[in-house]
Amino acid sequence: MAQTASGGRNWTFLTNHAHVLLALARQPDARLRDVAVEVGITERACQAIVLDLETAGYLVRHRIGRRNRYTIDPDGPFRHPAEADHRIGDLIALLAAPRAEHPAGGPVPAHRASSLP
């Protein structure tokens, strides 16, 4: 695992599988090359993750001409037993929503933007 400049371990709350799923929820016709860049992984790793998600039934790949379009099943359950009663649609609704700009310049999730002054 990579180290931060301060010597701590570099980690995030979401896995690369979640990041790929969210990227495809935001843009269902994205090229996996672009998803990989957004997530910060290799294209091959992104392809493997999409295959994992397809095999588990979380998404379906539709071939449209030379491109793919991905449909996500929002009713798919979280895989860990501690969260198995939650659906991935809840995560997508929370984190894949369009973002609005915060007055201070930083992004703010759209569902919270309406409460800003």
PDB file of N, CA and C in Angstrom:
ATOM      1  N   MET A   1       0.854  -1.172   0.000  1.00  0.00           N
ATOM      2  CA  MET A   1       0.000   0.000   0.000  1.00  0.00           C
ATOM      3  C   MET A   1       0.898   1.234   0.000  1.00  0.00           C
ATOM      4  N   ALA A   2       0.547   2.241  -0.740  1.00  0.00           N
ATOM      5  CA  ALA A   2       1.350   3.452  -0.854  1.00  0.00           C
ATOM      6  C   ALA A   2       1.325   4.253   0.444  1.00  0.00           C
ATOM      7  N   GLN A   3       2.387   5.002   0.645  1.00  0.00           N
ATOM      8  CA  GLN A   3       2.503   5.861   1.822  1.00  0.00           C
ATOM      9  C   GLN A   3       2.200   7.304   1.419  1.00  0.00           C
ATOM     10  N   THR A   4       1.637   8.063   2.339  1.00  0.00           N
ATOM     11  CA  THR A   4       1.413   9.486   2.107  1.00  0.00           C
ATOM     12  C   THR A   4       2.705  10.231   2.419  1.00  0.00           C
ATOM     13  N   ALA A   5       2.756  11.513   2.091  1.00  0.00           N
ATOM     14  CA  ALA A   5       3.940  12.329   2.359  1.00  0.00           C
ATOM     15  C   ALA A   5       4.258  12.376   3.847  1.00  0.00           C
ATOM     16  N   SER A   6       3.258  12.282   4.691  1.00  0.00           N
ATOM     17  CA  SER A   6       3.472  12.332   6.137  1.00  0.00           C
ATOM     18  C   SER A   6       3.834  10.966   6.715  1.00  0.00           C
ATOM     19  N   GLY A   7       3.948   9.948   5.871  1.00  0.00           N
ATOM     20  CA  GLY A   7       4.333   8.626   6.331  1.00  0.00           C
ATOM     21  C   GLY A   7       3.174   7.706   6.635  1.00  0.00           C
ATOM     22  N   GLY A   8       1.941   8.218   6.617  1.00  0.00           N
ATOM     23  CA  GLY A   8       0.766   7.380   6.863  1.00  0.00           C
ATOM     24  C   GLY A   8       0.417   6.562   5.639  1.00  0.00           C
ATOM     25  N   ARG A   9      -0.393   5.549   5.843  1.00  0.00           N
ATOM     26  CA  ARG A   9      -0.832   4.736   4.717  1.00  0.00           C
ATOM     27  C   ARG A   9      -1.879   5.488   3.916  1.00  0.00           C
ATOM     28  N   ASN A  10      -1.833   5.329   2.611  1.00  0.00           N
ATOM     29  CA  ASN A  10      -2.780   5.969   1.695  1.00  0.00           C
ATOM     30  C   ASN A  10      -3.929   4.994   1.442  1.00  0.00           C
ATOM     31  N   TRP A  11      -5.149   5.350   1.854  1.00  0.00           N
ATOM     32  CA  TRP A  11      -6.301   4.475   1.678  1.00  0.00           C
ATOM     33  C   TRP A  11      -7.539   5.308   1.426  1.00  0.00           C
ATOM     34  N   THR A  12      -8.591   4.649   0.933  1.00  0.00           N
ATOM     35  CA  THR A  12      -9.874   5.311   0.710  1.00  0.00           C
ATOM     36  C   THR A  12     -10.988   4.432   1.268  1.00  0.00           C
ATOM     37  N   PHE A  13     -12.168   5.007   1.444  1.00  0.00           N
ATOM     38  CA  PHE A  13     -13.307   4.251   1.956  1.00  0.00           C
ATOM     39  C   PHE A  13     -13.894   3.313   0.909  1.00  0.00           C
ATOM     40  N   LEU A  14     -13.774   3.646  -0.355  1.00  0.00           N
ATOM     41  CA  LEU A  14     -14.380   2.843  -1.412  1.00  0.00           C
ATOM     42  C   LEU A  14     -13.320   2.053  -2.170  1.00  0.00           C
ATOM     43  N   THR A  15     -13.689   0.858  -2.611  1.00  0.00           N
ATOM     44  CA  THR A  15     -12.792   0.018  -3.401  1.00  0.00           C
ATOM     45  C   THR A  15     -12.777   0.486  -4.852  1.00  0.00           C
ATOM     46  N   ASN A  16     -11.836  -0.039  -5.618  1.00  0.00           N
ATOM     47  CA  ASN A  16     -11.814   0.258  -7.047  1.00  0.00           C
ATOM     48  C   ASN A  16     -13.075  -0.264  -7.729  1.00  0.00           C
ATOM     49  N   HIS A  17     -13.636  -1.368  -7.238  1.00  0.00           N
ATOM     50  CA  HIS A  17     -14.891  -1.870  -7.804  1.00  0.00           C
ATOM     51  C   HIS A  17     -15.997  -0.827  -7.647  1.00  0.00           C
ATOM     52  N   ALA A  18     -16.080  -0.211  -6.490  1.00  0.00           N
ATOM     53  CA  ALA A  18     -17.092   0.828  -6.269  1.00  0.00           C
ATOM     54  C   ALA A  18     -16.826   2.036  -7.153  1.00  0.00           C
ATOM     55  N   HIS A  19     -15.563   2.428  -7.289  1.00  0.00           N
ATOM     56  CA  HIS A  19     -15.232   3.583  -8.129  1.00  0.00           C
ATOM     57  C   HIS A  19     -15.609   3.326  -9.592  1.00  0.00           C
ATOM     58  N   VAL A  20     -15.331   2.130 -10.093  1.00  0.00           N
ATOM     59  CA  VAL A  20     -15.691   1.791 -11.477  1.00  0.00           C
ATOM     60  C   VAL A  20     -17.212   1.785 -11.634  1.00  0.00           C
ATOM     61  N   LEU A  21     -17.905   1.180 -10.695  1.00  0.00           N
ATOM     62  CA  LEU A  21     -19.370   1.143 -10.750  1.00  0.00           C
ATOM     63  C   LEU A  21     -19.953   2.555 -10.766  1.00  0.00           C
ATOM     64  N   LEU A  22     -19.445   3.428  -9.915  1.00  0.00           N
ATOM     65  CA  LEU A  22     -19.939   4.808  -9.858  1.00  0.00           C
ATOM     66  C   LEU A  22     -19.623   5.565 -11.141  1.00  0.00           C
ATOM     67  N   ALA A  23     -18.442   5.344 -11.702  1.00  0.00           N
ATOM     68  CA  ALA A  23     -18.084   6.010 -12.959  1.00  0.00           C
ATOM     69  C   ALA A  23     -19.027   5.584 -14.078  1.00  0.00           C
ATOM     70  N   LEU A  24     -19.369   4.301 -14.124  1.00  0.00           N
ATOM     71  CA  LEU A  24     -20.296   3.821 -15.157  1.00  0.00           C
ATOM     72  C   LEU A  24     -21.726   4.260 -14.878  1.00  0.00           C
ATOM     73  N   ALA A  25     -22.071   4.474 -13.629  1.00  0.00           N
ATOM     74  CA  ALA A  25     -23.398   5.009 -13.306  1.00  0.00           C
ATOM     75  C   ALA A  25     -23.509   6.451 -13.788  1.00  0.00           C
ATOM     76  N   ARG A  26     -22.425   7.217 -13.654  1.00  0.00           N
ATOM     77  CA  ARG A  26     -22.424   8.617 -14.113  1.00  0.00           C
ATOM     78  C   ARG A  26     -22.447   8.710 -15.631  1.00  0.00           C
ATOM     79  N   GLN A  27     -21.713   7.804 -16.283  1.00  0.00           N
ATOM     80  CA  GLN A  27     -21.596   7.851 -17.741  1.00  0.00           C
ATOM     81  C   GLN A  27     -21.631   6.418 -18.289  1.00  0.00           C
ATOM     82  N   PRO A  28     -22.832   5.892 -18.545  1.00  0.00           N
ATOM     83  CA  PRO A  28     -22.986   4.489 -18.943  1.00  0.00           C
ATOM     84  C   PRO A  28     -22.319   4.109 -20.260  1.00  0.00           C
ATOM     85  N   ASP A  29     -22.018   5.080 -21.106  1.00  0.00           N
ATOM     86  CA  ASP A  29     -21.377   4.756 -22.380  1.00  0.00           C
ATOM     87  C   ASP A  29     -19.898   5.135 -22.393  1.00  0.00           C
ATOM     88  N   ALA A  30     -19.308   5.310 -21.233  1.00  0.00           N
ATOM     89  CA  ALA A  30     -17.892   5.671 -21.138  1.00  0.00           C
ATOM     90  C   ALA A  30     -17.014   4.527 -21.643  1.00  0.00           C
ATOM     91  N   ARG A  31     -15.884   4.893 -22.255  1.00  0.00           N
ATOM     92  CA  ARG A  31     -14.894   3.889 -22.632  1.00  0.00           C
ATOM     93  C   ARG A  31     -14.166   3.450 -21.364  1.00  0.00           C
ATOM     94  N   LEU A  32     -13.840   2.177 -21.277  1.00  0.00           N
ATOM     95  CA  LEU A  32     -13.151   1.685 -20.084  1.00  0.00           C
ATOM     96  C   LEU A  32     -11.792   2.348 -19.912  1.00  0.00           C
ATOM     97  N   ARG A  33     -11.183   2.762 -20.998  1.00  0.00           N
ATOM     98  CA  ARG A  33      -9.922   3.507 -20.910  1.00  0.00           C
ATOM     99  C   ARG A  33     -10.136   4.791 -20.107  1.00  0.00           C
ATOM    100  N   ASP A  34     -11.239   5.482 -20.370  1.00  0.00           N
ATOM    101  CA  ASP A  34     -11.539   6.728 -19.658  1.00  0.00           C
ATOM    102  C   ASP A  34     -11.924   6.463 -18.202  1.00  0.00           C
ATOM    103  N   VAL A  35     -12.658   5.380 -17.965  1.00  0.00           N
ATOM    104  CA  VAL A  35     -13.016   5.008 -16.593  1.00  0.00           C
ATOM    105  C   VAL A  35     -11.745   4.702 -15.806  1.00  0.00           C
ATOM    106  N   ALA A  36     -10.824   3.972 -16.416  1.00  0.00           N
ATOM    107  CA  ALA A  36      -9.569   3.623 -15.747  1.00  0.00           C
ATOM    108  C   ALA A  36      -8.790   4.871 -15.348  1.00  0.00           C
ATOM    109  N   VAL A  37      -8.731   5.853 -16.238  1.00  0.00           N
ATOM    110  CA  VAL A  37      -8.034   7.107 -15.925  1.00  0.00           C
ATOM    111  C   VAL A  37      -8.722   7.815 -14.766  1.00  0.00           C
ATOM    112  N   GLU A  38     -10.052   7.882 -14.799  1.00  0.00           N
ATOM    113  CA  GLU A  38     -10.808   8.541 -13.729  1.00  0.00           C
ATOM    114  C   GLU A  38     -10.565   7.875 -12.374  1.00  0.00           C
ATOM    115  N   VAL A  39     -10.536   6.543 -12.373  1.00  0.00           N
ATOM    116  CA  VAL A  39     -10.382   5.790 -11.126  1.00  0.00           C
ATOM    117  C   VAL A  39      -8.921   5.750 -10.676  1.00  0.00           C
ATOM    118  N   GLY A  40      -7.996   5.854 -11.633  1.00  0.00           N
ATOM    119  CA  GLY A  40      -6.574   5.799 -11.291  1.00  0.00           C
ATOM    120  C   GLY A  40      -6.015   4.388 -11.307  1.00  0.00           C
ATOM    121  N   ILE A  41      -6.541   3.557 -12.223  1.00  0.00           N
ATOM    122  CA  ILE A  41      -6.077   2.182 -12.366  1.00  0.00           C
ATOM    123  C   ILE A  41      -5.744   1.938 -13.833  1.00  0.00           C
ATOM    124  N   THR A  42      -5.162   0.775 -14.130  1.00  0.00           N
ATOM    125  CA  THR A  42      -4.864   0.451 -15.518  1.00  0.00           C
ATOM    126  C   THR A  42      -6.139   0.041 -16.249  1.00  0.00           C
ATOM    127  N   GLU A  43      -6.090   0.128 -17.568  1.00  0.00           N
ATOM    128  CA  GLU A  43      -7.248  -0.291 -18.360  1.00  0.00           C
ATOM    129  C   GLU A  43      -7.522  -1.778 -18.161  1.00  0.00           C
ATOM    130  N   ARG A  44      -6.469  -2.577 -18.059  1.00  0.00           N
ATOM    131  CA  ARG A  44      -6.642  -4.021 -17.842  1.00  0.00           C
ATOM    132  C   ARG A  44      -7.320  -4.298 -16.501  1.00  0.00           C
ATOM    133  N   ALA A  45      -6.932  -3.562 -15.460  1.00  0.00           N
ATOM    134  CA  ALA A  45      -7.580  -3.724 -14.147  1.00  0.00           C
ATOM    135  C   ALA A  45      -9.049  -3.325 -14.235  1.00  0.00           C
ATOM    136  N   CYS A  46      -9.337  -2.265 -14.984  1.00  0.00           N
ATOM    137  CA  CYS A  46     -10.720  -1.811 -15.155  1.00  0.00           C
ATOM    138  C   CYS A  46     -11.540  -2.881 -15.874  1.00  0.00           C
ATOM    139  N   GLN A  47     -10.967  -3.491 -16.907  1.00  0.00           N
ATOM    140  CA  GLN A  47     -11.663  -4.559 -17.623  1.00  0.00           C
ATOM    141  C   GLN A  47     -11.964  -5.734 -16.695  1.00  0.00           C
ATOM    142  N   ALA A  48     -11.005  -6.088 -15.844  1.00  0.00           N
ATOM    143  CA  ALA A  48     -11.204  -7.195 -14.901  1.00  0.00           C
ATOM    144  C   ALA A  48     -12.306  -6.865 -13.895  1.00  0.00           C
ATOM    145  N   ILE A  49     -12.342  -5.625 -13.436  1.00  0.00           N
ATOM    146  CA  ILE A  49     -13.374  -5.205 -12.484  1.00  0.00           C
ATOM    147  C   ILE A  49     -14.750  -5.241 -13.142  1.00  0.00           C
ATOM    148  N   VAL A  50     -14.848  -4.758 -14.374  1.00  0.00           N
ATOM    149  CA  VAL A  50     -16.132  -4.796 -15.090  1.00  0.00           C
ATOM    150  C   VAL A  50     -16.583  -6.242 -15.269  1.00  0.00           C
ATOM    151  N   LEU A  51     -15.655  -7.141 -15.576  1.00  0.00           N
ATOM    152  CA  LEU A  51     -16.003  -8.557 -15.693  1.00  0.00           C
ATOM    153  C   LEU A  51     -16.506  -9.100 -14.352  1.00  0.00           C
ATOM    154  N   ASP A  52     -15.838  -8.731 -13.249  1.00  0.00           N
ATOM    155  CA  ASP A  52     -16.312  -9.133 -11.916  1.00  0.00           C
ATOM    156  C   ASP A  52     -17.737  -8.642 -11.675  1.00  0.00           C
ATOM    157  N   LEU A  53     -17.983  -7.366 -11.989  1.00  0.00           N
ATOM    158  CA  LEU A  53     -19.300  -6.767 -11.753  1.00  0.00           C
ATOM    159  C   LEU A  53     -20.370  -7.409 -12.634  1.00  0.00           C
ATOM    160  N   GLU A  54     -19.994  -7.737 -13.884  1.00  0.00           N
ATOM    161  CA  GLU A  54     -20.928  -8.431 -14.783  1.00  0.00           C
ATOM    162  C   GLU A  54     -21.248  -9.829 -14.263  1.00  0.00           C
ATOM    163  N   THR A  55     -20.212 -10.565 -13.905  1.00  0.00           N
ATOM    164  CA  THR A  55     -20.377 -11.937 -13.432  1.00  0.00           C
ATOM    165  C   THR A  55     -21.250 -11.993 -12.183  1.00  0.00           C
ATOM    166  N   ALA A  56     -21.108 -11.000 -11.314  1.00  0.00           N
ATOM    167  CA  ALA A  56     -21.893 -10.945 -10.077  1.00  0.00           C
ATOM    168  C   ALA A  56     -23.301 -10.396 -10.301  1.00  0.00           C
ATOM    169  N   GLY A  57     -23.605  -9.937 -11.524  1.00  0.00           N
ATOM    170  CA  GLY A  57     -24.947  -9.459 -11.833  1.00  0.00           C
ATOM    171  C   GLY A  57     -25.209  -8.000 -11.503  1.00  0.00           C
ATOM    172  N   TYR A  58     -24.158  -7.235 -11.191  1.00  0.00           N
ATOM    173  CA  TYR A  58     -24.342  -5.824 -10.852  1.00  0.00           C
ATOM    174  C   TYR A  58     -24.518  -4.948 -12.085  1.00  0.00           C
ATOM    175  N   LEU A  59     -23.969  -5.376 -13.213  1.00  0.00           N
ATOM    176  CA  LEU A  59     -24.156  -4.600 -14.440  1.00  0.00           C
ATOM    177  C   LEU A  59     -24.236  -5.529 -15.632  1.00  0.00           C
ATOM    178  N   VAL A  60     -24.803  -4.986 -16.715  1.00  0.00           N
ATOM    179  CA  VAL A  60     -24.932  -5.704 -17.982  1.00  0.00           C
ATOM    180  C   VAL A  60     -24.296  -4.836 -19.049  1.00  0.00           C
ATOM    181  N   ARG A  61     -23.484  -5.469 -19.883  1.00  0.00           N
ATOM    182  CA  ARG A  61     -22.821  -4.765 -20.983  1.00  0.00           C
ATOM    183  C   ARG A  61     -23.654  -4.956 -22.248  1.00  0.00           C
ATOM    184  N   HIS A  62     -23.995  -3.855 -22.908  1.00  0.00           N
ATOM    185  CA  HIS A  62     -24.741  -3.890 -24.167  1.00  0.00           C
ATOM    186  C   HIS A  62     -23.814  -3.383 -25.258  1.00  0.00           C
ATOM    187  N   ARG A  63     -23.679  -4.148 -26.319  1.00  0.00           N
ATOM    188  CA  ARG A  63     -22.843  -3.742 -27.443  1.00  0.00           C
ATOM    189  C   ARG A  63     -23.688  -2.875 -28.367  1.00  0.00           C
ATOM    190  N   ILE A  64     -23.228  -1.647 -28.638  1.00  0.00           N
ATOM    191  CA  ILE A  64     -23.924  -0.726 -29.533  1.00  0.00           C
ATOM    192  C   ILE A  64     -22.898  -0.263 -30.562  1.00  0.00           C
ATOM    193  N   GLY A  65     -22.960  -0.873 -31.751  1.00  0.00           N
ATOM    194  CA  GLY A  65     -21.951  -0.572 -32.758  1.00  0.00           C
ATOM    195  C   GLY A  65     -20.584  -1.023 -32.266  1.00  0.00           C
ATOM    196  N   ARG A  66     -19.637  -0.099 -32.239  1.00  0.00           N
ATOM    197  CA  ARG A  66     -18.288  -0.410 -31.768  1.00  0.00           C
ATOM    198  C   ARG A  66     -18.093  -0.062 -30.302  1.00  0.00           C
ATOM    199  N   ARG A  67     -19.122   0.415 -29.653  1.00  0.00           N
ATOM    200  CA  ARG A  67     -19.026   0.856 -28.254  1.00  0.00           C
ATOM    201  C   ARG A  67     -19.851  -0.044 -27.350  1.00  0.00           C
ATOM    202  N   ASN A  68     -19.638   0.106 -26.072  1.00  0.00           N
ATOM    203  CA  ASN A  68     -20.430  -0.588 -25.055  1.00  0.00           C
ATOM    204  C   ASN A  68     -21.218   0.431 -24.255  1.00  0.00           C
ATOM    205  N   ARG A  69     -22.349  -0.003 -23.773  1.00  0.00           N
ATOM    206  CA  ARG A  69     -23.153   0.790 -22.841  1.00  0.00           C
ATOM    207  C   ARG A  69     -23.470  -0.138 -21.678  1.00  0.00           C
ATOM    208  N   TYR A  70     -23.401   0.392 -20.476  1.00  0.00           N
ATOM    209  CA  TYR A  70     -23.548  -0.425 -19.279  1.00  0.00           C
ATOM    210  C   TYR A  70     -24.826  -0.048 -18.543  1.00  0.00           C
ATOM    211  N   THR A  71     -25.587  -1.072 -18.165  1.00  0.00           N
ATOM    212  CA  THR A  71     -26.792  -0.896 -17.367  1.00  0.00           C
ATOM    213  C   THR A  71     -26.523  -1.513 -16.005  1.00  0.00           C
ATOM    214  N   ILE A  72     -26.778  -0.749 -14.961  1.00  0.00           N
ATOM    215  CA  ILE A  72     -26.524  -1.203 -13.598  1.00  0.00           C
ATOM    216  C   ILE A  72     -27.833  -1.640 -12.961  1.00  0.00           C
ATOM    217  N   ASP A  73     -27.786  -2.759 -12.240  1.00  0.00           N
ATOM    218  CA  ASP A  73     -28.946  -3.236 -11.487  1.00  0.00           C
ATOM    219  C   ASP A  73     -28.909  -2.582 -10.110  1.00  0.00           C
ATOM    220  N   PRO A  74     -29.735  -1.570  -9.863  1.00  0.00           N
ATOM    221  CA  PRO A  74     -29.684  -0.857  -8.581  1.00  0.00           C
ATOM    222  C   PRO A  74     -30.153  -1.699  -7.400  1.00  0.00           C
ATOM    223  N   ASP A  75     -30.782  -2.841  -7.670  1.00  0.00           N
ATOM    224  CA  ASP A  75     -31.274  -3.698  -6.591  1.00  0.00           C
ATOM    225  C   ASP A  75     -30.243  -4.713  -6.117  1.00  0.00           C
ATOM    226  N   GLY A  76     -29.058  -4.700  -6.725  1.00  0.00           N
ATOM    227  CA  GLY A  76     -28.012  -5.621  -6.291  1.00  0.00           C
ATOM    228  C   GLY A  76     -27.592  -5.313  -4.861  1.00  0.00           C
ATOM    229  N   PRO A  77     -27.449  -6.349  -4.029  1.00  0.00           N
ATOM    230  CA  PRO A  77     -27.075  -6.119  -2.629  1.00  0.00           C
ATOM    231  C   PRO A  77     -25.574  -5.881  -2.482  1.00  0.00           C
ATOM    232  N   PHE A  78     -25.182  -5.213  -1.408  1.00  0.00           N
ATOM    233  CA  PHE A  78     -23.770  -5.122  -1.065  1.00  0.00           C
ATOM    234  C   PHE A  78     -23.279  -6.536  -0.773  1.00  0.00           C
ATOM    235  N   ARG A  79     -22.032  -6.809  -1.024  1.00  0.00           N
ATOM    236  CA  ARG A  79     -21.507  -8.166  -0.882  1.00  0.00           C
ATOM    237  C   ARG A  79     -21.114  -8.525   0.543  1.00  0.00           C
ATOM    238  N   HIS A  80     -20.690  -7.564   1.330  1.00  0.00           N
ATOM    239  CA  HIS A  80     -20.252  -7.870   2.693  1.00  0.00           C
ATOM    240  C   HIS A  80     -21.476  -8.110   3.574  1.00  0.00           C
ATOM    241  N   PRO A  81     -21.445  -9.144   4.414  1.00  0.00           N
ATOM    242  CA  PRO A  81     -22.611  -9.443   5.260  1.00  0.00           C
ATOM    243  C   PRO A  81     -23.066  -8.271   6.134  1.00  0.00           C
ATOM    244  N   ALA A  82     -22.150  -7.408   6.535  1.00  0.00           N
ATOM    245  CA  ALA A  82     -22.522  -6.280   7.395  1.00  0.00           C
ATOM    246  C   ALA A  82     -23.405  -5.269   6.675  1.00  0.00           C
ATOM    247  N   GLU A  83     -23.326  -5.223   5.336  1.00  0.00           N
ATOM    248  CA  GLU A  83     -24.133  -4.273   4.562  1.00  0.00           C
ATOM    249  C   GLU A  83     -25.090  -4.971   3.609  1.00  0.00           C
ATOM    250  N   ALA A  84     -25.272  -6.270   3.741  1.00  0.00           N
ATOM    251  CA  ALA A  84     -26.057  -7.047   2.778  1.00  0.00           C
ATOM    252  C   ALA A  84     -27.510  -6.599   2.677  1.00  0.00           C
ATOM    253  N   ASP A  85     -28.012  -5.888   3.677  1.00  0.00           N
ATOM    254  CA  ASP A  85     -29.399  -5.424   3.612  1.00  0.00           C
ATOM    255  C   ASP A  85     -29.531  -4.112   2.843  1.00  0.00           C
ATOM    256  N   HIS A  86     -28.419  -3.550   2.376  1.00  0.00           N
ATOM    257  CA  HIS A  86     -28.438  -2.325   1.569  1.00  0.00           C
ATOM    258  C   HIS A  86     -28.268  -2.685   0.099  1.00  0.00           C
ATOM    259  N   ARG A  87     -28.754  -1.819  -0.778  1.00  0.00           N
ATOM    260  CA  ARG A  87     -28.667  -2.031  -2.219  1.00  0.00           C
ATOM    261  C   ARG A  87     -27.675  -1.044  -2.823  1.00  0.00           C
ATOM    262  N   ILE A  88     -27.027  -1.466  -3.918  1.00  0.00           N
ATOM    263  CA  ILE A  88     -26.037  -0.577  -4.529  1.00  0.00           C
ATOM    264  C   ILE A  88     -26.682   0.665  -5.121  1.00  0.00           C
ATOM    265  N   GLY A  89     -27.972   0.606  -5.394  1.00  0.00           N
ATOM    266  CA  GLY A  89     -28.679   1.798  -5.865  1.00  0.00           C
ATOM    267  C   GLY A  89     -28.613   2.928  -4.853  1.00  0.00           C
ATOM    268  N   ASP A  90     -28.566   2.578  -3.559  1.00  0.00           N
ATOM    269  CA  ASP A  90     -28.434   3.604  -2.514  1.00  0.00           C
ATOM    270  C   ASP A  90     -27.085   4.302  -2.616  1.00  0.00           C
ATOM    271  N   LEU A  91     -26.030   3.525  -2.837  1.00  0.00           N
ATOM    272  CA  LEU A  91     -24.687   4.098  -2.991  1.00  0.00           C
ATOM    273  C   LEU A  91     -24.619   4.979  -4.231  1.00  0.00           C
ATOM    274  N   ILE A  92     -25.198   4.501  -5.313  1.00  0.00           N
ATOM    275  CA  ILE A  92     -25.193   5.263  -6.562  1.00  0.00           C
ATOM    276  C   ILE A  92     -25.960   6.568  -6.392  1.00  0.00           C
ATOM    277  N   ALA A  93     -27.113   6.512  -5.739  1.00  0.00           N
ATOM    278  CA  ALA A  93     -27.903   7.732  -5.515  1.00  0.00           C
ATOM    279  C   ALA A  93     -27.128   8.740  -4.681  1.00  0.00           C
ATOM    280  N   LEU A  94     -26.360   8.250  -3.738  1.00  0.00           N
ATOM    281  CA  LEU A  94     -25.599   9.130  -2.855  1.00  0.00           C
ATOM    282  C   LEU A  94     -24.374   9.725  -3.537  1.00  0.00           C
ATOM    283  N   LEU A  95     -23.637   8.915  -4.284  1.00  0.00           N
ATOM    284  CA  LEU A  95     -22.329   9.350  -4.773  1.00  0.00           C
ATOM    285  C   LEU A  95     -22.220   9.591  -6.270  1.00  0.00           C
ATOM    286  N   ALA A  96     -23.157   9.130  -7.062  1.00  0.00           N
ATOM    287  CA  ALA A  96     -23.045   9.310  -8.508  1.00  0.00           C
ATOM    288  C   ALA A  96     -23.937  10.425  -9.026  1.00  0.00           C
ATOM    289  N   ALA A  97     -24.625  11.118  -8.130  1.00  0.00           N
ATOM    290  CA  ALA A  97     -25.501  12.217  -8.544  1.00  0.00           C
ATOM    291  C   ALA A  97     -24.678  13.338  -9.170  1.00  0.00           C
ATOM    292  N   PRO A  98     -25.275  14.097 -10.086  1.00  0.00           N
ATOM    293  CA  PRO A  98     -24.565  15.252 -10.648  1.00  0.00           C
ATOM    294  C   PRO A  98     -24.131  16.193  -9.532  1.00  0.00           C
ATOM    295  N   ARG A  99     -23.003  16.830  -9.733  1.00  0.00           N
ATOM    296  CA  ARG A  99     -22.462  17.704  -8.701  1.00  0.00           C
ATOM    297  C   ARG A  99     -22.711  19.169  -9.066  1.00  0.00           C
ATOM    298  N   ALA A 100     -22.969  19.977  -8.049  1.00  0.00           N
ATOM    299  CA  ALA A 100     -23.116  21.423  -8.216  1.00  0.00           C
ATOM    300  C   ALA A 100     -21.876  22.082  -7.629  1.00  0.00           C
ATOM    301  N   GLU A 101     -21.604  23.269  -8.025  1.00  0.00           N
ATOM    302  CA  GLU A 101     -20.439  23.983  -7.502  1.00  0.00           C
ATOM    303  C   GLU A 101     -20.764  24.660  -6.183  1.00  0.00           C
ATOM    304  N   HIS A 102     -19.906  24.486  -5.231  1.00  0.00           N
ATOM    305  CA  HIS A 102     -20.006  25.137  -3.923  1.00  0.00           C
ATOM    306  C   HIS A 102     -19.552  26.589  -4.098  1.00  0.00           C
ATOM    307  N   PRO A 103     -20.163  27.548  -3.399  1.00  0.00           N
ATOM    308  CA  PRO A 103     -19.768  28.948  -3.546  1.00  0.00           C
ATOM    309  C   PRO A 103     -18.280  29.192  -3.294  1.00  0.00           C
ATOM    310  N   ALA A 104     -17.657  28.384  -2.450  1.00  0.00           N
ATOM    311  CA  ALA A 104     -16.231  28.562  -2.162  1.00  0.00           C
ATOM    312  C   ALA A 104     -15.364  27.948  -3.253  1.00  0.00           C
ATOM    313  N   GLY A 105     -15.969  27.353  -4.249  1.00  0.00           N
ATOM    314  CA  GLY A 105     -15.217  26.816  -5.369  1.00  0.00           C
ATOM    315  C   GLY A 105     -15.126  25.302  -5.410  1.00  0.00           C
ATOM    316  N   GLY A 106     -15.396  24.619  -4.307  1.00  0.00           N
ATOM    317  CA  GLY A 106     -15.313  23.166  -4.288  1.00  0.00           C
ATOM    318  C   GLY A 106     -16.628  22.536  -4.683  1.00  0.00           C
ATOM    319  N   PRO A 107     -16.575  21.310  -5.190  1.00  0.00           N
ATOM    320  CA  PRO A 107     -17.821  20.643  -5.568  1.00  0.00           C
ATOM    321  C   PRO A 107     -18.621  20.207  -4.355  1.00  0.00           C
ATOM    322  N   VAL A 108     -19.923  20.183  -4.530  1.00  0.00           N
ATOM    323  CA  VAL A 108     -20.849  19.762  -3.483  1.00  0.00           C
ATOM    324  C   VAL A 108     -21.869  18.850  -4.139  1.00  0.00           C
ATOM    325  N   PRO A 109     -22.214  17.713  -3.520  1.00  0.00           N
ATOM    326  CA  PRO A 109     -23.240  16.858  -4.112  1.00  0.00           C
ATOM    327  C   PRO A 109     -24.526  17.644  -4.355  1.00  0.00           C
ATOM    328  N   ALA A 110     -25.194  17.352  -5.456  1.00  0.00           N
ATOM    329  CA  ALA A 110     -26.385  18.105  -5.854  1.00  0.00           C
ATOM    330  C   ALA A 110     -27.464  18.096  -4.782  1.00  0.00           C
ATOM    331  N   HIS A 111     -27.630  16.974  -4.074  1.00  0.00           N
ATOM    332  CA  HIS A 111     -28.691  16.909  -3.066  1.00  0.00           C
ATOM    333  C   HIS A 111     -28.408  17.829  -1.884  1.00  0.00           C
ATOM    334  N   ARG A 112     -27.161  18.272  -1.710  1.00  0.00           N
ATOM    335  CA  ARG A 112     -26.824  19.184  -0.621  1.00  0.00           C
ATOM    336  C   ARG A 112     -26.726  20.623  -1.111  1.00  0.00           C
ATOM    337  N   ALA A 113     -26.637  20.804  -2.422  1.00  0.00           N
ATOM    338  CA  ALA A 113     -26.469  22.145  -2.970  1.00  0.00           C
ATOM    339  C   ALA A 113     -27.661  23.037  -2.655  1.00  0.00           C
ATOM    340  N   SER A 114     -28.848  22.455  -2.572  1.00  0.00           N
ATOM    341  CA  SER A 114     -30.039  23.262  -2.315  1.00  0.00           C
ATOM    342  C   SER A 114     -30.038  23.862  -0.912  1.00  0.00           C
ATOM    343  N   SER A 115     -29.247  23.309  -0.003  1.00  0.00           N
ATOM    344  CA  SER A 115     -29.212  23.836   1.362  1.00  0.00           C
ATOM    345  C   SER A 115     -28.124  24.887   1.561  1.00  0.00           C
ATOM    346  N   LEU A 116     -27.367  25.188   0.500  1.00  0.00           N
ATOM    347  CA  LEU A 116     -26.307  26.191   0.618  1.00  0.00           C
ATOM    348  C   LEU A 116     -26.889  27.599   0.602  1.00  0.00           C
ATOM    349  N   PRO A 117     -26.215  28.545   1.272  1.00  0.00           N
ATOM    350  CA  PRO A 117     -26.717  29.930   1.281  1.00  0.00           C
ATOM    351  C   PRO A 117     -26.635  30.580  -0.079  1.00  0.00           C
TER     352      PRO A 117
END
